[in-house]
């Protein structure tokens, strides 16, 4: 049931084909919804964990309506002492999605050692029993890194993020980088009660709504 999803919201994604980051940011700041930056831009790191047969990946590729995606997120550098990491479980139920977040203890990660510190951090974390059980058969599958800009509309009903400098790396058996992509991704987020008003926001976008998953895009390169 959708009522059981934490942080229920719609997420619409746009790919800024043919436009660079500076052009996209200029457009966002001139949008009729009067978007303003809410935080300084920062680098986001994601380490996805999936089943050995990449079940989450194939659920997304096959368009399964009820699916999930699990990742560990942190900010700053990709290796070394990872401070304030968060385990995020994204849940998709048809047109809406939500996210359950759980703090992990800090861990030390290197390009040669990924699986062991992740398993220890999960083992030492305070997690719900059902989640801990679900994670037992999962292992690191993809690393993803990008720069994110954060915006909110003047009426504060819509949040918008702009992601650039997408960087992927395989993680088995060690880190190996993949080519950086110049794609700029815009994501509009809003609660279900604002779905009608969202049309006014999207109609003023010069981009087409599309399905885009960083996890799918990165794992597809592998």
N, C-alpha and C. Protein backbone atom coordinates (compact mmCIF):
# COMPACT_ATOMS: atom_id res chain seq x y z
N UNK A 1 0.84 -1.20 0.00
CA UNK A 1 0.00 0.00 0.00
C UNK A 1 0.87 1.25 0.00
N UNK A 2 0.47 2.28 -0.71
CA UNK A 2 1.30 3.48 -0.81
C UNK A 2 1.41 4.21 0.51
N UNK A 3 0.41 4.05 1.39
CA UNK A 3 0.47 4.76 2.66
C UNK A 3 1.60 4.28 3.54
N UNK A 4 2.17 3.07 3.25
CA UNK A 4 3.25 2.54 4.06
C UNK A 4 4.62 3.01 3.59
N UNK A 5 4.66 3.75 2.51
CA UNK A 5 5.93 4.22 1.96
C UNK A 5 6.34 5.51 2.68
N UNK A 6 7.55 5.54 3.26
CA UNK A 6 7.99 6.77 3.93
C UNK A 6 8.30 7.87 2.93
N UNK A 7 7.94 9.12 3.28
CA UNK A 7 8.27 10.26 2.43
C UNK A 7 7.64 10.17 1.06
N UNK A 8 6.38 9.79 0.99
CA UNK A 8 5.69 9.58 -0.28
C UNK A 8 5.80 10.81 -1.19
N UNK A 9 6.19 10.60 -2.47
CA UNK A 9 6.34 11.71 -3.40
C UNK A 9 6.39 11.20 -4.84
N UNK A 10 6.18 12.14 -5.75
CA UNK A 10 6.40 11.89 -7.17
C UNK A 10 7.80 12.41 -7.52
N UNK A 11 8.46 11.73 -8.43
CA UNK A 11 9.77 12.15 -8.92
C UNK A 11 9.76 12.12 -10.44
N UNK A 12 9.88 13.27 -11.04
CA UNK A 12 9.92 13.37 -12.50
C UNK A 12 11.33 13.74 -12.94
N UNK A 13 11.84 13.05 -13.95
CA UNK A 13 13.21 13.28 -14.38
C UNK A 13 13.26 13.78 -15.81
N UNK A 14 14.23 14.65 -16.06
CA UNK A 14 14.44 15.24 -17.38
C UNK A 14 15.92 15.12 -17.71
N UNK A 15 16.24 14.83 -18.95
CA UNK A 15 17.63 14.82 -19.41
C UNK A 15 17.84 16.05 -20.28
N UNK A 16 18.80 16.88 -19.92
CA UNK A 16 19.06 18.13 -20.64
C UNK A 16 19.92 17.86 -21.87
N UNK A 17 19.33 17.23 -22.87
CA UNK A 17 20.06 16.89 -24.09
C UNK A 17 20.54 18.15 -24.81
N UNK A 18 21.82 18.19 -25.11
CA UNK A 18 22.38 19.31 -25.86
C UNK A 18 22.65 20.55 -25.03
N UNK A 19 22.48 20.49 -23.73
CA UNK A 19 22.72 21.65 -22.87
C UNK A 19 23.77 21.33 -21.81
N UNK A 20 24.62 22.28 -21.54
CA UNK A 20 25.62 22.13 -20.50
C UNK A 20 25.08 22.55 -19.15
N UNK A 21 25.88 22.33 -18.10
CA UNK A 21 25.44 22.64 -16.74
C UNK A 21 25.10 24.11 -16.57
N UNK A 22 25.95 25.02 -17.07
CA UNK A 22 25.70 26.45 -16.87
C UNK A 22 24.40 26.88 -17.53
N UNK A 23 24.09 26.33 -18.70
CA UNK A 23 22.84 26.66 -19.39
C UNK A 23 21.64 26.16 -18.58
N UNK A 24 21.74 24.95 -18.05
CA UNK A 24 20.64 24.39 -17.27
C UNK A 24 20.41 25.21 -16.01
N UNK A 25 21.47 25.56 -15.31
CA UNK A 25 21.32 26.35 -14.08
C UNK A 25 20.70 27.71 -14.37
N UNK A 26 21.10 28.33 -15.46
CA UNK A 26 20.52 29.62 -15.85
C UNK A 26 19.03 29.47 -16.10
N UNK A 27 18.64 28.42 -16.81
CA UNK A 27 17.22 28.20 -17.08
C UNK A 27 16.43 27.99 -15.79
N UNK A 28 16.98 27.16 -14.88
CA UNK A 28 16.27 26.86 -13.63
C UNK A 28 16.03 28.15 -12.84
N UNK A 29 17.02 29.01 -12.79
CA UNK A 29 16.88 30.24 -12.02
C UNK A 29 15.91 31.23 -12.67
N UNK A 30 15.63 31.03 -13.96
CA UNK A 30 14.69 31.91 -14.67
C UNK A 30 13.31 31.27 -14.82
N UNK A 31 13.13 30.10 -14.28
CA UNK A 31 11.86 29.38 -14.40
C UNK A 31 10.74 30.18 -13.73
N UNK A 32 9.52 30.17 -14.27
CA UNK A 32 8.40 30.92 -13.67
C UNK A 32 8.09 30.55 -12.22
N UNK A 33 8.50 29.35 -11.79
CA UNK A 33 8.26 28.95 -10.40
C UNK A 33 9.24 29.58 -9.43
N UNK A 34 10.17 30.39 -9.94
CA UNK A 34 11.12 31.14 -9.12
C UNK A 34 11.92 30.21 -8.19
N UNK A 35 12.61 29.26 -8.80
CA UNK A 35 13.45 28.35 -8.01
C UNK A 35 14.68 29.09 -7.46
N UNK A 36 14.99 28.81 -6.20
CA UNK A 36 16.18 29.37 -5.58
C UNK A 36 16.99 28.23 -4.96
N UNK A 37 18.31 28.40 -4.93
CA UNK A 37 19.16 27.37 -4.35
C UNK A 37 18.98 27.31 -2.85
N UNK A 38 18.89 26.08 -2.34
CA UNK A 38 18.66 25.90 -0.90
C UNK A 38 19.91 25.49 -0.15
N UNK A 39 20.87 24.84 -0.84
CA UNK A 39 22.12 24.41 -0.22
C UNK A 39 23.26 24.67 -1.19
N UNK A 40 24.47 24.77 -0.67
CA UNK A 40 25.62 24.82 -1.59
C UNK A 40 25.71 23.49 -2.35
N UNK A 41 26.10 23.55 -3.61
CA UNK A 41 26.23 22.31 -4.36
C UNK A 41 27.33 21.45 -3.75
N UNK A 42 27.20 20.14 -3.89
CA UNK A 42 28.16 19.23 -3.28
C UNK A 42 28.24 17.95 -4.10
N UNK A 43 29.29 17.16 -3.81
CA UNK A 43 29.49 15.90 -4.51
C UNK A 43 28.81 14.78 -3.73
N UNK A 44 28.00 14.00 -4.43
CA UNK A 44 27.26 12.89 -3.84
C UNK A 44 27.92 11.58 -4.26
N UNK A 45 28.12 10.69 -3.30
CA UNK A 45 28.65 9.36 -3.57
C UNK A 45 27.58 8.32 -3.25
N UNK A 46 27.37 7.38 -4.14
CA UNK A 46 26.45 6.27 -3.91
C UNK A 46 27.16 4.96 -4.18
N UNK A 47 26.99 4.03 -3.26
CA UNK A 47 27.46 2.66 -3.48
C UNK A 47 26.22 1.77 -3.45
N UNK A 48 25.82 1.24 -4.59
CA UNK A 48 24.62 0.42 -4.68
C UNK A 48 24.94 -1.00 -4.25
N UNK A 49 23.99 -1.62 -3.57
CA UNK A 49 24.13 -3.03 -3.20
C UNK A 49 22.91 -3.76 -3.72
N UNK A 50 23.17 -4.90 -4.35
CA UNK A 50 22.12 -5.64 -5.04
C UNK A 50 22.35 -7.13 -4.80
N UNK A 51 21.39 -7.93 -5.21
CA UNK A 51 21.53 -9.38 -5.12
C UNK A 51 22.56 -9.85 -6.16
N UNK A 52 23.12 -11.05 -5.98
CA UNK A 52 24.12 -11.53 -6.93
C UNK A 52 23.62 -11.58 -8.37
N UNK A 53 22.31 -11.79 -8.57
CA UNK A 53 21.76 -11.83 -9.93
C UNK A 53 21.22 -10.47 -10.36
N UNK A 54 21.58 -9.40 -9.62
CA UNK A 54 21.19 -8.02 -9.95
C UNK A 54 19.67 -7.89 -10.10
N UNK A 55 18.94 -8.41 -9.12
CA UNK A 55 17.49 -8.39 -9.16
C UNK A 55 16.89 -7.00 -9.24
N UNK A 56 17.45 -6.04 -8.47
CA UNK A 56 16.94 -4.67 -8.50
C UNK A 56 17.12 -4.05 -9.89
N UNK A 57 18.26 -4.30 -10.49
CA UNK A 57 18.54 -3.77 -11.82
C UNK A 57 17.52 -4.29 -12.84
N UNK A 58 17.29 -5.58 -12.84
CA UNK A 58 16.38 -6.16 -13.83
C UNK A 58 14.92 -5.81 -13.55
N UNK A 59 14.57 -5.61 -12.28
CA UNK A 59 13.22 -5.14 -11.98
C UNK A 59 12.96 -3.78 -12.64
N UNK A 60 13.96 -2.90 -12.59
CA UNK A 60 13.81 -1.59 -13.20
C UNK A 60 13.78 -1.69 -14.72
N UNK A 61 14.69 -2.45 -15.28
CA UNK A 61 14.75 -2.60 -16.74
C UNK A 61 13.45 -3.18 -17.29
N UNK A 62 12.86 -4.12 -16.54
CA UNK A 62 11.64 -4.78 -16.98
C UNK A 62 10.37 -4.02 -16.60
N UNK A 63 10.53 -2.87 -15.95
CA UNK A 63 9.37 -2.04 -15.63
C UNK A 63 8.48 -2.59 -14.55
N UNK A 64 9.03 -3.35 -13.60
CA UNK A 64 8.24 -3.87 -12.49
C UNK A 64 7.72 -2.70 -11.66
N UNK A 65 6.40 -2.66 -11.42
CA UNK A 65 5.78 -1.51 -10.76
C UNK A 65 6.23 -1.37 -9.31
N UNK A 66 6.29 -2.47 -8.58
CA UNK A 66 6.69 -2.45 -7.18
C UNK A 66 8.13 -2.96 -7.08
N UNK A 67 9.04 -2.07 -6.87
CA UNK A 67 10.45 -2.45 -6.85
C UNK A 67 11.20 -1.64 -5.80
N UNK A 68 12.43 -2.01 -5.57
CA UNK A 68 13.25 -1.32 -4.57
C UNK A 68 14.67 -1.16 -5.10
N UNK A 69 15.41 -0.31 -4.43
CA UNK A 69 16.81 -0.05 -4.78
C UNK A 69 17.52 0.31 -3.49
N UNK A 70 18.68 -0.27 -3.25
CA UNK A 70 19.38 -0.06 -1.99
C UNK A 70 20.76 0.52 -2.27
N UNK A 71 21.12 1.55 -1.52
CA UNK A 71 22.42 2.19 -1.72
C UNK A 71 22.94 2.75 -0.41
N UNK A 72 24.23 2.97 -0.37
CA UNK A 72 24.87 3.68 0.74
C UNK A 72 25.33 5.01 0.19
N UNK A 73 24.93 6.10 0.86
CA UNK A 73 25.22 7.44 0.35
C UNK A 73 26.08 8.21 1.35
N UNK A 74 27.03 8.97 0.80
CA UNK A 74 27.82 9.88 1.63
C UNK A 74 28.28 11.05 0.76
N UNK A 75 28.87 12.04 1.40
CA UNK A 75 29.33 13.25 0.70
C UNK A 75 30.82 13.42 0.92
N UNK A 76 31.49 13.96 -0.11
CA UNK A 76 32.92 14.16 0.01
C UNK A 76 33.70 13.22 -0.89
N UNK A 77 34.81 12.70 -0.36
CA UNK A 77 35.69 11.86 -1.16
C UNK A 77 35.17 10.44 -1.34
N UNK A 78 35.65 9.74 -2.38
CA UNK A 78 35.16 8.40 -2.67
C UNK A 78 35.77 7.30 -1.82
N UNK A 79 36.97 7.53 -1.30
CA UNK A 79 37.64 6.50 -0.50
C UNK A 79 38.23 7.15 0.75
N UNK A 80 38.80 6.31 1.61
CA UNK A 80 39.32 6.79 2.88
C UNK A 80 38.28 6.56 3.96
N UNK A 81 38.33 7.38 5.00
CA UNK A 81 37.34 7.27 6.08
C UNK A 81 36.03 7.89 5.61
N UNK A 82 34.99 7.09 5.52
CA UNK A 82 33.68 7.55 5.06
C UNK A 82 32.88 7.98 6.27
N UNK A 83 32.68 9.29 6.41
CA UNK A 83 31.98 9.84 7.57
C UNK A 83 30.51 10.06 7.25
N UNK A 84 29.67 9.79 8.23
CA UNK A 84 28.21 10.01 8.15
C UNK A 84 27.56 9.30 6.96
N UNK A 85 27.90 8.04 6.70
CA UNK A 85 27.22 7.32 5.61
C UNK A 85 25.79 6.98 6.00
N UNK A 86 24.93 6.89 5.00
CA UNK A 86 23.52 6.57 5.23
C UNK A 86 23.11 5.43 4.31
N UNK A 87 22.46 4.43 4.88
CA UNK A 87 21.88 3.36 4.08
C UNK A 87 20.48 3.80 3.65
N UNK A 88 20.23 3.84 2.36
CA UNK A 88 18.95 4.30 1.83
C UNK A 88 18.28 3.17 1.06
N UNK A 89 17.03 2.94 1.40
CA UNK A 89 16.22 1.94 0.71
C UNK A 89 15.12 2.67 -0.03
N UNK A 90 15.26 2.79 -1.35
CA UNK A 90 14.25 3.48 -2.16
C UNK A 90 13.18 2.48 -2.60
N UNK A 91 11.93 2.85 -2.36
CA UNK A 91 10.80 1.98 -2.66
C UNK A 91 9.93 2.62 -3.70
N UNK A 92 9.66 1.91 -4.76
CA UNK A 92 8.83 2.40 -5.86
C UNK A 92 7.54 1.62 -5.89
N UNK A 93 6.42 2.34 -5.91
CA UNK A 93 5.11 1.72 -5.98
C UNK A 93 4.30 2.44 -7.06
N UNK A 94 4.40 1.96 -8.27
CA UNK A 94 3.71 2.60 -9.38
C UNK A 94 4.30 3.97 -9.67
N UNK A 95 3.45 5.01 -9.59
CA UNK A 95 3.89 6.36 -9.93
C UNK A 95 4.54 7.09 -8.77
N UNK A 96 4.49 6.53 -7.57
CA UNK A 96 5.03 7.21 -6.40
C UNK A 96 6.19 6.43 -5.82
N UNK A 97 6.99 7.11 -5.04
CA UNK A 97 8.14 6.46 -4.41
C UNK A 97 8.42 7.10 -3.07
N UNK A 98 9.21 6.42 -2.28
CA UNK A 98 9.61 6.93 -0.97
C UNK A 98 10.98 6.39 -0.62
N UNK A 99 11.49 6.80 0.51
CA UNK A 99 12.85 6.42 0.89
C UNK A 99 12.94 6.26 2.40
N UNK A 100 13.49 5.14 2.82
CA UNK A 100 13.77 4.90 4.23
C UNK A 100 15.27 5.00 4.43
N UNK A 101 15.71 5.83 5.38
CA UNK A 101 17.14 6.07 5.59
C UNK A 101 17.56 5.60 6.97
N UNK A 102 18.76 5.04 7.04
CA UNK A 102 19.30 4.54 8.31
C UNK A 102 20.78 4.91 8.39
N UNK A 103 21.16 5.52 9.49
CA UNK A 103 22.55 5.92 9.67
C UNK A 103 23.45 4.70 9.86
N UNK A 104 24.60 4.72 9.19
CA UNK A 104 25.61 3.67 9.36
C UNK A 104 26.81 4.23 10.11
N UNK A 105 27.55 3.38 10.82
CA UNK A 105 28.80 3.86 11.42
C UNK A 105 29.82 4.16 10.34
N UNK A 106 30.77 5.05 10.62
CA UNK A 106 31.78 5.37 9.62
C UNK A 106 32.64 4.14 9.34
N UNK A 107 33.18 4.08 8.13
CA UNK A 107 34.01 2.95 7.76
C UNK A 107 35.13 3.44 6.86
N UNK A 108 36.14 2.60 6.69
CA UNK A 108 37.30 2.95 5.88
C UNK A 108 37.26 2.12 4.60
N UNK A 109 37.26 2.79 3.45
CA UNK A 109 37.15 2.08 2.19
C UNK A 109 38.29 2.48 1.27
N UNK A 110 38.81 1.51 0.54
CA UNK A 110 39.87 1.76 -0.43
C UNK A 110 39.48 1.12 -1.75
N UNK A 111 40.21 1.42 -2.80
CA UNK A 111 39.90 0.84 -4.11
C UNK A 111 40.12 -0.67 -4.10
N UNK A 112 40.90 -1.17 -3.15
CA UNK A 112 41.18 -2.60 -3.08
C UNK A 112 40.25 -3.32 -2.11
N UNK A 113 39.60 -2.57 -1.21
CA UNK A 113 38.78 -3.20 -0.18
C UNK A 113 37.42 -2.51 -0.11
N UNK A 114 36.40 -3.19 -0.59
CA UNK A 114 35.06 -2.60 -0.65
C UNK A 114 34.06 -3.46 0.11
N UNK A 115 34.02 -4.72 -0.22
CA UNK A 115 33.00 -5.61 0.32
C UNK A 115 33.10 -5.76 1.84
N UNK A 116 34.31 -5.96 2.35
CA UNK A 116 34.49 -6.23 3.79
C UNK A 116 34.05 -5.04 4.66
N UNK A 117 34.51 -3.80 4.41
CA UNK A 117 34.07 -2.68 5.26
C UNK A 117 32.57 -2.42 5.17
N UNK A 118 31.97 -2.66 4.01
CA UNK A 118 30.53 -2.44 3.86
C UNK A 118 29.77 -3.44 4.72
N UNK A 119 30.14 -4.69 4.66
CA UNK A 119 29.46 -5.71 5.45
C UNK A 119 29.61 -5.43 6.94
N UNK A 120 30.78 -4.96 7.36
CA UNK A 120 30.99 -4.67 8.78
C UNK A 120 30.13 -3.48 9.21
N UNK A 121 30.05 -2.43 8.37
CA UNK A 121 29.24 -1.27 8.71
C UNK A 121 27.77 -1.65 8.86
N UNK A 122 27.29 -2.49 7.97
CA UNK A 122 25.89 -2.94 8.06
C UNK A 122 25.69 -3.81 9.30
N UNK A 123 26.64 -4.66 9.59
CA UNK A 123 26.54 -5.53 10.76
C UNK A 123 26.51 -4.72 12.06
N UNK A 124 27.29 -3.62 12.12
CA UNK A 124 27.38 -2.82 13.35
C UNK A 124 26.27 -1.78 13.48
N UNK A 125 25.49 -1.58 12.41
CA UNK A 125 24.45 -0.55 12.44
C UNK A 125 23.20 -1.04 13.18
N UNK A 126 22.41 -0.09 13.66
CA UNK A 126 21.13 -0.41 14.29
C UNK A 126 20.06 -0.36 13.20
N UNK A 127 19.69 -1.52 12.70
CA UNK A 127 18.74 -1.62 11.59
C UNK A 127 17.56 -2.49 11.98
N UNK A 128 16.39 -2.25 11.37
CA UNK A 128 15.25 -3.13 11.62
C UNK A 128 15.58 -4.56 11.21
N UNK A 129 15.02 -5.52 11.93
CA UNK A 129 15.35 -6.93 11.69
C UNK A 129 15.04 -7.37 10.27
N UNK A 130 13.90 -6.93 9.73
CA UNK A 130 13.52 -7.34 8.37
C UNK A 130 14.49 -6.77 7.34
N UNK A 131 14.94 -5.53 7.56
CA UNK A 131 15.90 -4.93 6.63
C UNK A 131 17.23 -5.66 6.72
N UNK A 132 17.67 -5.94 7.92
CA UNK A 132 18.95 -6.65 8.08
C UNK A 132 18.90 -8.01 7.37
N UNK A 133 17.76 -8.68 7.48
CA UNK A 133 17.60 -9.97 6.82
C UNK A 133 17.66 -9.81 5.30
N UNK A 134 17.03 -8.76 4.79
CA UNK A 134 17.02 -8.53 3.34
C UNK A 134 18.41 -8.20 2.80
N UNK A 135 19.27 -7.63 3.64
CA UNK A 135 20.60 -7.23 3.21
C UNK A 135 21.62 -8.37 3.24
N UNK A 136 21.27 -9.47 3.86
CA UNK A 136 22.24 -10.56 4.02
C UNK A 136 22.72 -11.12 2.69
N UNK A 137 21.86 -11.12 1.70
CA UNK A 137 22.22 -11.69 0.40
C UNK A 137 22.61 -10.63 -0.62
N UNK A 138 22.91 -9.42 -0.16
CA UNK A 138 23.27 -8.35 -1.08
C UNK A 138 24.75 -7.99 -0.94
N UNK A 139 25.31 -7.47 -2.03
CA UNK A 139 26.71 -7.09 -2.03
C UNK A 139 26.90 -5.89 -2.95
N UNK A 140 28.00 -5.15 -2.80
CA UNK A 140 28.23 -3.98 -3.65
C UNK A 140 28.19 -4.34 -5.13
N UNK A 141 27.50 -3.49 -5.92
CA UNK A 141 27.36 -3.78 -7.35
C UNK A 141 27.81 -2.63 -8.25
N UNK A 142 27.76 -1.38 -7.74
CA UNK A 142 28.13 -0.24 -8.58
C UNK A 142 28.42 0.98 -7.70
N UNK A 143 29.43 1.75 -8.08
CA UNK A 143 29.72 3.03 -7.44
C UNK A 143 29.33 4.15 -8.39
N UNK A 144 28.75 5.20 -7.84
CA UNK A 144 28.27 6.33 -8.63
C UNK A 144 28.60 7.62 -7.89
N UNK A 145 29.03 8.64 -8.66
CA UNK A 145 29.43 9.91 -8.06
C UNK A 145 29.00 11.03 -9.00
N UNK A 146 28.48 12.14 -8.45
CA UNK A 146 28.06 13.27 -9.26
C UNK A 146 27.99 14.52 -8.40
N UNK A 147 27.91 15.66 -9.09
CA UNK A 147 27.75 16.95 -8.39
C UNK A 147 26.28 17.34 -8.45
N UNK A 148 25.74 17.76 -7.30
CA UNK A 148 24.31 18.07 -7.22
C UNK A 148 24.07 19.50 -6.75
N UNK A 149 23.17 20.21 -7.48
CA UNK A 149 22.68 21.52 -7.09
C UNK A 149 21.24 21.36 -6.60
N UNK A 150 20.88 22.09 -5.56
CA UNK A 150 19.58 21.94 -4.91
C UNK A 150 18.75 23.23 -5.04
N UNK A 151 17.48 23.07 -5.41
CA UNK A 151 16.59 24.22 -5.55
C UNK A 151 15.22 23.92 -4.94
N UNK A 152 14.51 24.99 -4.59
CA UNK A 152 13.11 24.88 -4.15
C UNK A 152 12.34 26.03 -4.77
N UNK A 153 11.07 25.78 -5.11
CA UNK A 153 10.24 26.82 -5.72
C UNK A 153 9.85 27.86 -4.68
N UNK A 154 9.43 29.03 -5.16
CA UNK A 154 9.08 30.12 -4.24
C UNK A 154 7.96 29.72 -3.29
N UNK A 155 7.01 28.90 -3.76
CA UNK A 155 5.92 28.47 -2.88
C UNK A 155 6.28 27.23 -2.07
N UNK A 156 7.50 26.74 -2.25
CA UNK A 156 8.08 25.63 -1.49
C UNK A 156 7.34 24.30 -1.70
N UNK A 157 6.56 24.22 -2.75
CA UNK A 157 5.85 22.97 -3.03
C UNK A 157 6.66 22.02 -3.90
N UNK A 158 7.70 22.55 -4.55
CA UNK A 158 8.46 21.73 -5.49
C UNK A 158 9.96 21.85 -5.21
N UNK A 159 10.59 20.70 -5.13
CA UNK A 159 12.04 20.66 -5.01
C UNK A 159 12.62 20.19 -6.34
N UNK A 160 13.77 20.74 -6.67
CA UNK A 160 14.40 20.41 -7.95
C UNK A 160 15.89 20.25 -7.73
N UNK A 161 16.46 19.21 -8.32
CA UNK A 161 17.91 19.00 -8.24
C UNK A 161 18.47 18.92 -9.65
N UNK A 162 19.72 19.35 -9.78
CA UNK A 162 20.44 19.28 -11.05
C UNK A 162 21.74 18.51 -10.80
N UNK A 163 21.89 17.40 -11.50
CA UNK A 163 23.05 16.53 -11.33
C UNK A 163 23.93 16.57 -12.56
N UNK A 164 25.22 16.72 -12.35
CA UNK A 164 26.18 16.79 -13.46
C UNK A 164 27.45 16.02 -13.11
N UNK A 165 28.35 15.89 -14.07
CA UNK A 165 29.62 15.19 -13.88
C UNK A 165 29.40 13.77 -13.37
N UNK A 166 28.47 13.06 -14.00
CA UNK A 166 28.18 11.69 -13.58
C UNK A 166 29.38 10.79 -13.82
N UNK A 167 29.76 10.08 -12.79
CA UNK A 167 30.94 9.23 -12.81
C UNK A 167 30.56 7.88 -12.22
N UNK A 168 30.86 6.81 -12.94
CA UNK A 168 30.54 5.46 -12.48
C UNK A 168 31.82 4.64 -12.35
N UNK A 169 31.73 3.62 -11.49
CA UNK A 169 32.85 2.68 -11.36
C UNK A 169 32.31 1.32 -10.99
N UNK A 170 32.88 0.29 -11.60
CA UNK A 170 32.58 -1.06 -11.17
C UNK A 170 33.28 -1.33 -9.84
N UNK A 171 32.80 -2.31 -9.09
CA UNK A 171 33.34 -2.54 -7.75
C UNK A 171 33.71 -4.00 -7.50
N UNK A 172 33.63 -4.83 -8.51
CA UNK A 172 33.96 -6.24 -8.32
C UNK A 172 35.08 -6.66 -9.28
N UNK A 173 36.21 -7.16 -8.77
CA UNK A 173 36.52 -7.35 -7.36
C UNK A 173 37.11 -6.10 -6.70
N UNK A 174 37.37 -5.05 -7.51
CA UNK A 174 37.91 -3.81 -6.97
C UNK A 174 37.34 -2.68 -7.81
N UNK A 175 37.62 -1.44 -7.39
CA UNK A 175 37.17 -0.29 -8.17
C UNK A 175 37.81 -0.29 -9.56
N UNK A 176 37.01 -0.07 -10.58
CA UNK A 176 37.55 0.24 -11.89
C UNK A 176 36.63 1.27 -12.54
N UNK A 177 37.17 2.47 -12.84
CA UNK A 177 36.34 3.58 -13.32
C UNK A 177 35.83 3.38 -14.72
N UNK A 178 34.66 3.96 -14.98
CA UNK A 178 34.05 4.00 -16.30
C UNK A 178 34.09 5.44 -16.81
N UNK A 179 33.91 5.68 -18.10
CA UNK A 179 33.99 7.05 -18.63
C UNK A 179 32.98 7.99 -17.98
N UNK A 180 33.40 9.21 -17.72
CA UNK A 180 32.51 10.23 -17.17
C UNK A 180 31.55 10.68 -18.27
N UNK A 181 30.28 10.86 -17.94
CA UNK A 181 29.31 11.30 -18.91
C UNK A 181 28.98 12.78 -18.72
N UNK A 182 28.73 13.46 -19.82
CA UNK A 182 28.42 14.89 -19.76
C UNK A 182 26.92 15.14 -19.57
N UNK A 183 26.15 14.08 -19.41
CA UNK A 183 24.70 14.22 -19.26
C UNK A 183 24.36 15.02 -18.01
N UNK A 184 23.40 15.94 -18.14
CA UNK A 184 22.89 16.70 -17.00
C UNK A 184 21.46 16.23 -16.74
N UNK A 185 21.19 15.85 -15.49
CA UNK A 185 19.89 15.29 -15.12
C UNK A 185 19.17 16.27 -14.19
N UNK A 186 17.93 16.58 -14.53
CA UNK A 186 17.08 17.43 -13.68
C UNK A 186 16.00 16.55 -13.08
N UNK A 187 15.76 16.70 -11.79
CA UNK A 187 14.72 15.90 -11.13
C UNK A 187 13.80 16.82 -10.34
N UNK A 188 12.51 16.68 -10.59
CA UNK A 188 11.48 17.46 -9.91
C UNK A 188 10.76 16.56 -8.92
N UNK A 189 10.65 17.01 -7.66
CA UNK A 189 10.07 16.18 -6.60
C UNK A 189 8.95 16.95 -5.91
N UNK A 190 7.82 16.26 -5.70
CA UNK A 190 6.68 16.92 -5.06
C UNK A 190 5.75 15.86 -4.48
N UNK A 191 4.93 16.27 -3.51
CA UNK A 191 4.00 15.36 -2.86
C UNK A 191 2.76 15.16 -3.71
N UNK A 192 2.02 14.06 -3.49
CA UNK A 192 0.87 13.75 -4.34
C UNK A 192 -0.18 14.84 -4.41
N UNK A 193 -0.38 15.62 -3.35
CA UNK A 193 -1.42 16.65 -3.39
C UNK A 193 -1.08 17.79 -4.35
N UNK A 194 0.15 17.84 -4.81
CA UNK A 194 0.56 18.91 -5.74
C UNK A 194 0.69 18.43 -7.18
N UNK A 195 0.12 17.27 -7.49
CA UNK A 195 0.31 16.72 -8.83
C UNK A 195 -0.34 17.58 -9.92
N UNK A 196 -1.48 18.20 -9.63
CA UNK A 196 -2.11 19.04 -10.66
C UNK A 196 -1.28 20.30 -10.92
N UNK A 197 -0.79 20.91 -9.86
CA UNK A 197 0.03 22.11 -10.02
C UNK A 197 1.35 21.79 -10.71
N UNK A 198 1.80 20.54 -10.63
CA UNK A 198 3.07 20.16 -11.22
C UNK A 198 3.07 20.35 -12.74
N UNK A 199 1.88 20.25 -13.35
CA UNK A 199 1.81 20.42 -14.81
C UNK A 199 2.28 21.81 -15.23
N UNK A 200 1.99 22.82 -14.42
CA UNK A 200 2.43 24.17 -14.74
C UNK A 200 3.96 24.27 -14.69
N UNK A 201 4.56 23.52 -13.79
CA UNK A 201 6.02 23.53 -13.66
C UNK A 201 6.66 22.79 -14.83
N UNK A 202 6.15 21.61 -15.14
CA UNK A 202 6.76 20.81 -16.20
C UNK A 202 6.53 21.41 -17.59
N UNK A 203 5.39 22.06 -17.78
CA UNK A 203 5.11 22.66 -19.09
C UNK A 203 6.08 23.79 -19.43
N UNK A 204 6.68 24.38 -18.41
CA UNK A 204 7.63 25.46 -18.63
C UNK A 204 9.06 24.94 -18.79
N UNK A 205 9.22 23.61 -18.76
CA UNK A 205 10.54 23.00 -18.94
C UNK A 205 10.80 22.74 -20.43
N UNK A 206 11.98 23.08 -20.92
CA UNK A 206 12.29 22.80 -22.33
C UNK A 206 12.83 21.38 -22.53
N UNK A 207 12.56 20.50 -21.56
CA UNK A 207 13.06 19.13 -21.63
C UNK A 207 11.87 18.17 -21.55
N UNK A 208 12.06 16.98 -22.08
CA UNK A 208 11.02 15.97 -22.03
C UNK A 208 11.19 15.10 -20.80
N UNK A 209 10.06 14.76 -20.17
CA UNK A 209 10.10 13.83 -19.05
C UNK A 209 10.55 12.46 -19.58
N UNK A 210 11.45 11.82 -18.85
CA UNK A 210 11.97 10.54 -19.30
C UNK A 210 12.24 9.64 -18.11
N UNK A 211 12.35 8.37 -18.38
CA UNK A 211 12.81 7.43 -17.35
C UNK A 211 14.33 7.44 -17.36
N UNK A 212 14.92 7.71 -16.22
CA UNK A 212 16.37 7.67 -16.13
C UNK A 212 16.78 7.23 -14.74
N UNK A 213 17.54 6.18 -14.67
CA UNK A 213 18.07 5.68 -13.41
C UNK A 213 19.58 5.66 -13.49
N UNK A 214 20.24 6.33 -12.58
CA UNK A 214 21.70 6.32 -12.56
C UNK A 214 22.21 4.90 -12.36
N UNK A 215 21.52 4.14 -11.54
CA UNK A 215 21.94 2.77 -11.30
C UNK A 215 21.87 1.94 -12.58
N UNK A 216 20.77 2.05 -13.29
CA UNK A 216 20.60 1.31 -14.54
C UNK A 216 21.61 1.77 -15.58
N UNK A 217 21.81 3.11 -15.69
CA UNK A 217 22.73 3.64 -16.68
C UNK A 217 24.16 3.17 -16.40
N UNK A 218 24.56 3.20 -15.13
CA UNK A 218 25.92 2.79 -14.79
C UNK A 218 26.15 1.29 -14.94
N UNK A 219 25.19 0.50 -14.45
CA UNK A 219 25.36 -0.95 -14.53
C UNK A 219 25.27 -1.40 -15.98
N UNK A 220 24.50 -0.66 -16.79
CA UNK A 220 24.42 -0.99 -18.21
C UNK A 220 25.76 -0.83 -18.90
N UNK A 221 26.59 0.11 -18.44
CA UNK A 221 27.92 0.28 -19.02
C UNK A 221 28.83 -0.89 -18.72
N UNK A 222 28.52 -1.61 -17.65
CA UNK A 222 29.36 -2.75 -17.28
C UNK A 222 29.09 -3.96 -18.16
